[in-house]
Amino acid sequence: LRRPELLRLLLLLPLLGCRLLAVELTSSNTNPVVQEFQSV
């Protein structure tokens, strides 16, 4: 690796570590639609 690329990677490592240590949520469907009296 060239020196500029190595420095960039070293700067990103702390950020990647913080991301891995952060709780993160997602959903398979954020706008569900259901008919009355059914389960969802």
All heavy atoms as atom14 arrays in JSON, in Angstrom:
{
  "sequence": "LRRPELLRLLLLLPLLGCRLLAVELTSSNTNPVVQEFQSV",
  "atom14_mask": [
    [1, 1, 1, 1, 1, 1, 1, 1, 0, 0, 0, 0, 0, 0],
    [1, 1, 1, 1, 1, 1, 1, 1, 1, 1, 1, 0, 0, 0],
    [1, 1, 1, 1, 1, 1, 1, 1, 1, 1, 1, 0, 0, 0],
    [1, 1, 1, 1, 1, 1, 1, 0, 0, 0, 0, 0, 0, 0],
    [1, 1, 1, 1, 1, 1, 1, 1, 1, 0, 0, 0, 0, 0],
    [1, 1, 1, 1, 1, 1, 1, 1, 0, 0, 0, 0, 0, 0],
    [1, 1, 1, 1, 1, 1, 1, 1, 0, 0, 0, 0, 0, 0],
    [1, 1, 1, 1, 1, 1, 1, 1, 1, 1, 1, 0, 0, 0],
    [1, 1, 1, 1, 1, 1, 1, 1, 0, 0, 0, 0, 0, 0],
    [1, 1, 1, 1, 1, 1, 1, 1, 0, 0, 0, 0, 0, 0],
    [1, 1, 1, 1, 1, 1, 1, 1, 0, 0, 0, 0, 0, 0],
    [1, 1, 1, 1, 1, 1, 1, 1, 0, 0, 0, 0, 0, 0],
    [1, 1, 1, 1, 1, 1, 1, 1, 0, 0, 0, 0, 0, 0],
    [1, 1, 1, 1, 1, 1, 1, 0, 0, 0, 0, 0, 0, 0],
    [1, 1, 1, 1, 1, 1, 1, 1, 0, 0, 0, 0, 0, 0],
    [1, 1, 1, 1, 1, 1, 1, 1, 0, 0, 0, 0, 0, 0],
    [1, 1, 1, 1, 0, 0, 0, 0, 0, 0, 0, 0, 0, 0],
    [1, 1, 1, 1, 1, 1, 0, 0, 0, 0, 0, 0, 0, 0],
    [1, 1, 1, 1, 1, 1, 1, 1, 1, 1, 1, 0, 0, 0],
    [1, 1, 1, 1, 1, 1, 1, 1, 0, 0, 0, 0, 0, 0],
    [1, 1, 1, 1, 1, 1, 1, 1, 0, 0, 0, 0, 0, 0],
    [1, 1, 1, 1, 1, 0, 0, 0, 0, 0, 0, 0, 0, 0],
    [1, 1, 1, 1, 1, 1, 1, 0, 0, 0, 0, 0, 0, 0],
    [1, 1, 1, 1, 1, 1, 1, 1, 1, 0, 0, 0, 0, 0],
    [1, 1, 1, 1, 1, 1, 1, 1, 0, 0, 0, 0, 0, 0],
    [1, 1, 1, 1, 1, 1, 1, 0, 0, 0, 0, 0, 0, 0],
    [1, 1, 1, 1, 1, 1, 0, 0, 0, 0, 0, 0, 0, 0],
    [1, 1, 1, 1, 1, 1, 0, 0, 0, 0, 0, 0, 0, 0],
    [1, 1, 1, 1, 1, 1, 1, 1, 0, 0, 0, 0, 0, 0],
    [1, 1, 1, 1, 1, 1, 1, 0, 0, 0, 0, 0, 0, 0],
    [1, 1, 1, 1, 1, 1, 1, 1, 0, 0, 0, 0, 0, 0],
    [1, 1, 1, 1, 1, 1, 1, 0, 0, 0, 0, 0, 0, 0],
    [1, 1, 1, 1, 1, 1, 1, 0, 0, 0, 0, 0, 0, 0],
    [1, 1, 1, 1, 1, 1, 1, 0, 0, 0, 0, 0, 0, 0],
    [1, 1, 1, 1, 1, 1, 1, 1, 1, 0, 0, 0, 0, 0],
    [1, 1, 1, 1, 1, 1, 1, 1, 1, 0, 0, 0, 0, 0],
    [1, 1, 1, 1, 1, 1, 1, 1, 1, 1, 1, 0, 0, 0],
    [1, 1, 1, 1, 1, 1, 1, 1, 1, 0, 0, 0, 0, 0],
    [1, 1, 1, 1, 1, 1, 0, 0, 0, 0, 0, 0, 0, 0],
    [1, 1, 1, 1, 1, 1, 1, 0, 0, 0, 0, 0, 0, 0]
  ],
  "atom14_positions": [
    [[0.83, -1.2, 0.0], [0.0, 0.0, 0.0], [0.86, 1.24, 0.0], [1.91, 1.29, 0.65], [-0.9, 0.01, 1.24], [-1.98, -1.09, 1.29], [-2.69, -1.02, 2.63], [-2.95, -0.93, 0.14], [0.0, 0.0, 0.0], [0.0, 0.0, 0.0], [0.0, 0.0, 0.0], [0.0, 0.0, 0.0], [0.0, 0.0, 0.0], [0.0, 0.0, 0.0]],
    [[0.42, 2.19, -0.76], [1.12, 3.47, -0.75], [0.88, 4.19, 0.57], [-0.09, 3.9, 1.27], [0.64, 4.34, -1.92], [0.97, 3.72, -3.28], [0.47, 4.62, -4.4], [0.75, 4.04, -5.7], [0.41, 4.61, -6.85], [-0.25, 5.78, -6.85], [0.72, 4.02, -7.99], [0.0, 0.0, 0.0], [0.0, 0.0, 0.0], [0.0, 0.0, 0.0]],
    [[1.72, 5.1, 0.86], [1.64, 5.8, 2.14], [0.33, 6.55, 2.31], [-0.29, 6.47, 3.38], [2.83, 6.76, 2.26], [2.93, 7.4, 3.63], [4.21, 8.19, 3.75], [4.3, 8.81, 5.07], [5.33, 9.56, 5.45], [6.36, 9.79, 4.62], [5.34, 10.09, 6.66], [0.0, 0.0, 0.0], [0.0, 0.0, 0.0], [0.0, 0.0, 0.0]],
    [[-0.2, 7.3, 1.3], [-1.49, 8.0, 1.49], [-2.63, 7.03, 1.75], [-3.49, 7.29, 2.58], [-1.68, 8.74, 0.17], [-0.3, 8.91, -0.39], [0.43, 7.66, 0.02], [0.0, 0.0, 0.0], [0.0, 0.0, 0.0], [0.0, 0.0, 0.0], [0.0, 0.0, 0.0], [0.0, 0.0, 0.0], [0.0, 0.0, 0.0], [0.0, 0.0, 0.0]],
    [[-2.67, 5.86, 1.07], [-3.73, 4.89, 1.27], [-3.65, 4.27, 2.66], [-4.67, 4.0, 3.3], [-3.65, 3.81, 0.19], [-3.94, 4.32, -1.22], [-3.76, 3.23, -2.25], [-3.24, 2.15, -1.87], [-4.13, 3.45, -3.41], [0.0, 0.0, 0.0], [0.0, 0.0, 0.0], [0.0, 0.0, 0.0], [0.0, 0.0, 0.0], [0.0, 0.0, 0.0]],
    [[-2.41, 4.04, 3.13], [-2.23, 3.47, 4.46], [-2.72, 4.43, 5.54], [-3.39, 4.03, 6.51], [-0.75, 3.14, 4.67], [-0.39, 2.5, 6.03], [-1.14, 1.18, 6.19], [1.12, 2.27, 6.12], [0.0, 0.0, 0.0], [0.0, 0.0, 0.0], [0.0, 0.0, 0.0], [0.0, 0.0, 0.0], [0.0, 0.0, 0.0], [0.0, 0.0, 0.0]],
    [[-2.43, 5.71, 5.36], [-2.9, 6.71, 6.32], [-4.43, 6.8, 6.33], [-5.06, 6.92, 7.38], [-2.3, 8.09, 5.96], [-0.78, 8.23, 6.18], [-0.3, 9.58, 5.68], [-0.46, 8.09, 7.66], [0.0, 0.0, 0.0], [0.0, 0.0, 0.0], [0.0, 0.0, 0.0], [0.0, 0.0, 0.0], [0.0, 0.0, 0.0], [0.0, 0.0, 0.0]],
    [[-5.05, 6.7, 5.14], [-6.5, 6.76, 5.06], [-7.14, 5.57, 5.77], [-8.15, 5.69, 6.47], [-6.95, 6.79, 3.58], [-8.44, 7.06, 3.41], [-8.85, 7.07, 1.94], [-8.15, 8.12, 1.19], [-7.22, 7.89, 0.28], [-6.85, 6.64, 0.0], [-6.63, 8.87, -0.35], [0.0, 0.0, 0.0], [0.0, 0.0, 0.0], [0.0, 0.0, 0.0]],
    [[-6.52, 4.4, 5.62], [-7.04, 3.21, 6.27], [-6.91, 3.31, 7.78], [-7.82, 2.92, 8.52], [-6.28, 1.98, 5.75], [-6.7, 0.63, 6.34], [-8.17, 0.36, 6.04], [-5.83, -0.48, 5.77], [0.0, 0.0, 0.0], [0.0, 0.0, 0.0], [0.0, 0.0, 0.0], [0.0, 0.0, 0.0], [0.0, 0.0, 0.0], [0.0, 0.0, 0.0]],
    [[-5.82, 3.85, 8.24], [-5.63, 4.01, 9.68], [-6.65, 4.97, 10.26], [-7.1, 4.81, 11.4], [-4.21, 4.51, 9.96], [-3.09, 3.51, 9.66], [-1.71, 4.16, 9.86], [-3.22, 2.27, 10.55], [0.0, 0.0, 0.0], [0.0, 0.0, 0.0], [0.0, 0.0, 0.0], [0.0, 0.0, 0.0], [0.0, 0.0, 0.0], [0.0, 0.0, 0.0]],
    [[-7.02, 6.0, 9.48], [-8.02, 6.95, 9.96], [-9.42, 6.33, 10.0], [-10.26, 6.67, 10.85], [-8.04, 8.19, 9.06], [-6.78, 9.09, 9.14], [-6.85, 10.19, 8.1], [-6.65, 9.69, 10.54], [0.0, 0.0, 0.0], [0.0, 0.0, 0.0], [0.0, 0.0, 0.0], [0.0, 0.0, 0.0], [0.0, 0.0, 0.0], [0.0, 0.0, 0.0]],
    [[-9.69, 5.39, 9.09], [-11.01, 4.76, 9.04], [-11.21, 3.68, 10.09], [-12.33, 3.38, 10.47], [-11.26, 4.17, 7.65], [-11.47, 5.16, 6.5], [-11.58, 4.42, 5.17], [-12.73, 5.99, 6.75], [0.0, 0.0, 0.0], [0.0, 0.0, 0.0], [0.0, 0.0, 0.0], [0.0, 0.0, 0.0], [0.0, 0.0, 0.0], [0.0, 0.0, 0.0]],
    [[-10.14, 3.09, 10.56], [-10.27, 2.0, 11.52], [-11.03, 2.39, 12.79], [-11.91, 1.64, 13.24], [-8.89, 1.44, 11.86], [-8.26, 0.53, 10.8], [-6.84, 0.11, 11.21], [-9.12, -0.7, 10.55], [0.0, 0.0, 0.0], [0.0, 0.0, 0.0], [0.0, 0.0, 0.0], [0.0, 0.0, 0.0], [0.0, 0.0, 0.0], [0.0, 0.0, 0.0]],
    [[-10.76, 3.54, 13.39], [-11.55, 3.91, 14.58], [-13.04, 4.07, 14.27], [-13.89, 3.68, 15.08], [-10.93, 5.23, 15.03], [-9.55, 5.21, 14.46], [-9.67, 4.5, 13.15], [0.0, 0.0, 0.0], [0.0, 0.0, 0.0], [0.0, 0.0, 0.0], [0.0, 0.0, 0.0], [0.0, 0.0, 0.0], [0.0, 0.0, 0.0], [0.0, 0.0, 0.0]],
    [[-13.32, 4.63, 13.08], [-14.73, 4.81, 12.72], [-15.42, 3.48, 12.51], [-16.57, 3.27, 12.93], [-14.84, 5.67, 11.44], [-14.3, 7.1, 11.56], [-14.4, 7.81, 10.2], [-15.06, 7.87, 12.62], [0.0, 0.0, 0.0], [0.0, 0.0, 0.0], [0.0, 0.0, 0.0], [0.0, 0.0, 0.0], [0.0, 0.0, 0.0], [0.0, 0.0, 0.0]],
    [[-14.71, 2.53, 11.87], [-15.29, 1.2, 11.67], [-15.49, 0.49, 12.99], [-16.49, -0.2, 13.21], [-14.38, 0.36, 10.76], [-14.29, 0.81, 9.3], [-13.24, 0.0, 8.55], [-15.65, 0.67, 8.62], [0.0, 0.0, 0.0], [0.0, 0.0, 0.0], [0.0, 0.0, 0.0], [0.0, 0.0, 0.0], [0.0, 0.0, 0.0], [0.0, 0.0, 0.0]],
    [[-14.58, 0.69, 13.92], [-14.7, 0.08, 15.23], [-15.91, 0.63, 15.98], [-16.66, -0.11, 16.61], [0.0, 0.0, 0.0], [0.0, 0.0, 0.0], [0.0, 0.0, 0.0], [0.0, 0.0, 0.0], [0.0, 0.0, 0.0], [0.0, 0.0, 0.0], [0.0, 0.0, 0.0], [0.0, 0.0, 0.0], [0.0, 0.0, 0.0], [0.0, 0.0, 0.0]],
    [[-16.13, 1.95, 15.87], [-17.3, 2.56, 16.53], [-18.59, 2.03, 15.92], [-19.57, 1.79, 16.63], [-17.24, 4.09, 16.4], [-15.89, 4.82, 17.38], [0.0, 0.0, 0.0], [0.0, 0.0, 0.0], [0.0, 0.0, 0.0], [0.0, 0.0, 0.0], [0.0, 0.0, 0.0], [0.0, 0.0, 0.0], [0.0, 0.0, 0.0], [0.0, 0.0, 0.0]],
    [[-18.59, 1.84, 14.56], [-19.79, 1.34, 13.9], [-20.1, -0.07, 14.37], [-21.26, -0.44, 14.6], [-19.61, 1.4, 12.38], [-20.85, 0.96, 11.62], [-20.62, 1.11, 10.13], [-21.8, 0.68, 9.38], [-22.84, 1.43, 9.14], [-22.87, 2.67, 9.6], [-23.88, 0.97, 8.45], [0.0, 0.0, 0.0], [0.0, 0.0, 0.0], [0.0, 0.0, 0.0]],
    [[-19.07, -0.88, 14.52], [-19.27, -2.26, 14.95], [-19.76, -2.32, 16.39], [-20.45, -3.26, 16.77], [-17.97, -3.06, 14.79], [-17.5, -3.29, 13.35], [-16.14, -3.97, 13.36], [-18.51, -4.14, 12.59], [0.0, 0.0, 0.0], [0.0, 0.0, 0.0], [0.0, 0.0, 0.0], [0.0, 0.0, 0.0], [0.0, 0.0, 0.0], [0.0, 0.0, 0.0]],
    [[-19.44, -1.33, 17.18], [-19.83, -1.32, 18.58], [-21.15, -0.57, 18.8], [-21.58, -0.43, 19.94], [-18.73, -0.68, 19.43], [-17.4, -1.43, 19.49], [-16.39, -0.64, 20.3], [-17.58, -2.82, 20.07], [0.0, 0.0, 0.0], [0.0, 0.0, 0.0], [0.0, 0.0, 0.0], [0.0, 0.0, 0.0], [0.0, 0.0, 0.0], [0.0, 0.0, 0.0]],
    [[-21.79, -0.09, 17.75], [-23.03, 0.69, 17.87], [-24.23, -0.2, 17.6], [-24.24, -0.97, 16.64], [-23.02, 1.86, 16.89], [0.0, 0.0, 0.0], [0.0, 0.0, 0.0], [0.0, 0.0, 0.0], [0.0, 0.0, 0.0], [0.0, 0.0, 0.0], [0.0, 0.0, 0.0], [0.0, 0.0, 0.0], [0.0, 0.0, 0.0], [0.0, 0.0, 0.0]],
    [[-25.28, -0.07, 18.46], [-26.51, -0.81, 18.21], [-27.2, -0.2, 16.99], [-27.3, 1.02, 16.85], [-27.42, -0.8, 19.45], [-27.83, 0.62, 19.83], [-28.65, -1.64, 19.2], [0.0, 0.0, 0.0], [0.0, 0.0, 0.0], [0.0, 0.0, 0.0], [0.0, 0.0, 0.0], [0.0, 0.0, 0.0], [0.0, 0.0, 0.0], [0.0, 0.0, 0.0]],
    [[-27.69, -1.07, 16.09], [-28.32, -0.6, 14.86], [-29.53, -1.47, 14.56], [-29.45, -2.71, 14.64], [-27.33, -0.65, 13.71], [-27.88, -0.04, 12.42], [-26.84, -0.03, 11.3], [-25.68, -0.44, 11.54], [-27.21, 0.37, 10.17], [0.0, 0.0, 0.0], [0.0, 0.0, 0.0], [0.0, 0.0, 0.0], [0.0, 0.0, 0.0], [0.0, 0.0, 0.0]],
    [[-30.65, -0.82, 14.21], [-31.9, -1.53, 13.94], [-32.25, -1.45, 12.47], [-31.89, -0.49, 11.77], [-33.05, -0.95, 14.77], [-32.89, -0.95, 16.28], [-34.11, -0.33, 16.95], [-32.66, -2.36, 16.81], [0.0, 0.0, 0.0], [0.0, 0.0, 0.0], [0.0, 0.0, 0.0], [0.0, 0.0, 0.0], [0.0, 0.0, 0.0], [0.0, 0.0, 0.0]],
    [[-33.0, -2.43, 12.0], [-33.53, -2.42, 10.65], [-34.89, -3.12, 10.68], [-35.3, -3.69, 11.7], [-32.58, -3.13, 9.66], [-33.09, -2.96, 8.34], [-32.48, -4.6, 9.98], [0.0, 0.0, 0.0], [0.0, 0.0, 0.0], [0.0, 0.0, 0.0], [0.0, 0.0, 0.0], [0.0, 0.0, 0.0], [0.0, 0.0, 0.0], [0.0, 0.0, 0.0]],
    [[-35.61, -3.08, 9.57], [-36.93, -3.71, 9.49], [-37.15, -4.25, 8.09], [-36.69, -3.67, 7.1], [-38.04, -2.7, 9.82], [-39.32, -3.28, 9.66], [0.0, 0.0, 0.0], [0.0, 0.0, 0.0], [0.0, 0.0, 0.0], [0.0, 0.0, 0.0], [0.0, 0.0, 0.0], [0.0, 0.0, 0.0], [0.0, 0.0, 0.0], [0.0, 0.0, 0.0]],
    [[-37.87, -5.36, 8.02], [-38.19, -5.95, 6.71], [-39.37, -5.25, 6.06], [-39.59, -5.39, 4.85], [-38.49, -7.45, 6.87], [-39.6, -7.64, 7.72], [0.0, 0.0, 0.0], [0.0, 0.0, 0.0], [0.0, 0.0, 0.0], [0.0, 0.0, 0.0], [0.0, 0.0, 0.0], [0.0, 0.0, 0.0], [0.0, 0.0, 0.0], [0.0, 0.0, 0.0]],
    [[-40.14, -4.5, 6.84], [-41.31, -3.79, 6.3], [-41.68, -2.66, 7.26], [-42.16, -2.91, 8.35], [-42.48, -4.75, 6.11], [-43.67, -4.09, 5.42], [-43.59, -2.94, 5.0], [-44.76, -4.83, 5.31], [0.0, 0.0, 0.0], [0.0, 0.0, 0.0], [0.0, 0.0, 0.0], [0.0, 0.0, 0.0], [0.0, 0.0, 0.0], [0.0, 0.0, 0.0]],
    [[-41.47, -1.44, 6.82], [-41.78, -0.29, 7.69], [-43.19, 0.26, 7.45], [-43.61, 1.17, 8.17], [-40.76, 0.84, 7.46], [-40.76, 1.21, 6.08], [-39.35, 0.41, 7.87], [0.0, 0.0, 0.0], [0.0, 0.0, 0.0], [0.0, 0.0, 0.0], [0.0, 0.0, 0.0], [0.0, 0.0, 0.0], [0.0, 0.0, 0.0], [0.0, 0.0, 0.0]],
    [[-43.91, -0.3, 6.48], [-45.28, 0.16, 6.2], [-46.21, -1.04, 5.98], [-46.78, -1.21, 4.88], [-45.3, 1.08, 4.97], [-44.59, 2.4, 5.2], [-45.13, 3.3, 5.82], [-43.36, 2.49, 4.71], [0.0, 0.0, 0.0], [0.0, 0.0, 0.0], [0.0, 0.0, 0.0], [0.0, 0.0, 0.0], [0.0, 0.0, 0.0], [0.0, 0.0, 0.0]],
    [[-46.41, -1.85, 7.0], [-47.3, -3.01, 6.82], [-48.75, -2.58, 6.71], [-49.19, -1.6, 7.31], [-47.05, -3.82, 8.1], [-46.61, -2.81, 9.11], [-45.84, -1.78, 8.35], [0.0, 0.0, 0.0], [0.0, 0.0, 0.0], [0.0, 0.0, 0.0], [0.0, 0.0, 0.0], [0.0, 0.0, 0.0], [0.0, 0.0, 0.0], [0.0, 0.0, 0.0]],
    [[-49.51, -3.34, 5.91], [-50.94, -3.12, 5.72], [-51.66, -4.44, 6.0], [-51.25, -5.49, 5.5], [-51.26, -2.64, 4.29], [-52.77, -2.45, 4.11], [-50.54, -1.32, 4.01], [0.0, 0.0, 0.0], [0.0, 0.0, 0.0], [0.0, 0.0, 0.0], [0.0, 0.0, 0.0], [0.0, 0.0, 0.0], [0.0, 0.0, 0.0], [0.0, 0.0, 0.0]],
    [[-52.73, -4.38, 6.79], [-53.46, -5.58, 7.17], [-54.94, -5.26, 7.22], [-55.33, -4.11, 7.46], [-52.97, -6.11, 8.54], [-53.28, -5.12, 9.65], [-53.57, -7.47, 8.86], [0.0, 0.0, 0.0], [0.0, 0.0, 0.0], [0.0, 0.0, 0.0], [0.0, 0.0, 0.0], [0.0, 0.0, 0.0], [0.0, 0.0, 0.0], [0.0, 0.0, 0.0]],
    [[-55.77, -6.27, 6.95], [-57.21, -6.08, 7.06], [-57.66, -6.28, 8.5], [-57.05, -7.02, 9.27], [-57.95, -7.04, 6.14], [-57.75, -6.73, 4.66], [-58.69, -7.51, 3.77], [-59.66, -8.09, 4.22], [-58.4, -7.51, 2.47], [0.0, 0.0, 0.0], [0.0, 0.0, 0.0], [0.0, 0.0, 0.0], [0.0, 0.0, 0.0], [0.0, 0.0, 0.0]],
    [[-58.73, -5.61, 8.86], [-59.24, -5.67, 10.23], [-59.51, -7.12, 10.65], [-59.98, -7.93, 9.85], [-60.51, -4.83, 10.35], [-60.94, -4.59, 11.78], [-62.13, -3.64, 11.88], [-62.94, -3.61, 10.93], [-62.26, -2.95, 12.9], [0.0, 0.0, 0.0], [0.0, 0.0, 0.0], [0.0, 0.0, 0.0], [0.0, 0.0, 0.0], [0.0, 0.0, 0.0]],
    [[-59.17, -7.42, 11.92], [-59.37, -8.71, 12.56], [-58.32, -9.75, 12.17], [-58.39, -10.89, 12.63], [-60.77, -9.27, 12.3], [-61.87, -8.3, 12.63], [-62.83, -7.98, 11.68], [-61.94, -7.7, 13.88], [-63.84, -7.07, 11.98], [-62.95, -6.8, 14.18], [-63.89, -6.49, 13.23], [0.0, 0.0, 0.0], [0.0, 0.0, 0.0], [0.0, 0.0, 0.0]],
    [[-57.33, -9.37, 11.35], [-56.23, -10.27, 11.03], [-55.02, -9.94, 11.9], [-54.98, -8.92, 12.59], [-55.88, -10.18, 9.55], [-56.97, -10.67, 8.62], [-56.56, -10.64, 7.16], [-55.52, -10.07, 6.8], [-57.37, -11.25, 6.3], [0.0, 0.0, 0.0], [0.0, 0.0, 0.0], [0.0, 0.0, 0.0], [0.0, 0.0, 0.0], [0.0, 0.0, 0.0]],
    [[-54.0, -10.82, 11.86], [-52.77, -10.61, 12.62], [-51.71, -9.96, 11.74], [-51.73, -10.1, 10.5], [-52.23, -11.95, 13.16], [-53.16, -12.55, 14.04], [0.0, 0.0, 0.0], [0.0, 0.0, 0.0], [0.0, 0.0, 0.0], [0.0, 0.0, 0.0], [0.0, 0.0, 0.0], [0.0, 0.0, 0.0], [0.0, 0.0, 0.0], [0.0, 0.0, 0.0]],
    [[-50.79, -9.25, 12.38], [-49.74, -8.58, 11.64], [-48.46, -8.57, 12.47], [-48.51, -8.5, 13.71], [-50.15, -7.13, 11.28], [-50.36, -6.29, 12.53], [-49.12, -6.47, 10.37], [0.0, 0.0, 0.0], [0.0, 0.0, 0.0], [0.0, 0.0, 0.0], [0.0, 0.0, 0.0], [0.0, 0.0, 0.0], [0.0, 0.0, 0.0], [0.0, 0.0, 0.0]]
  ]
}
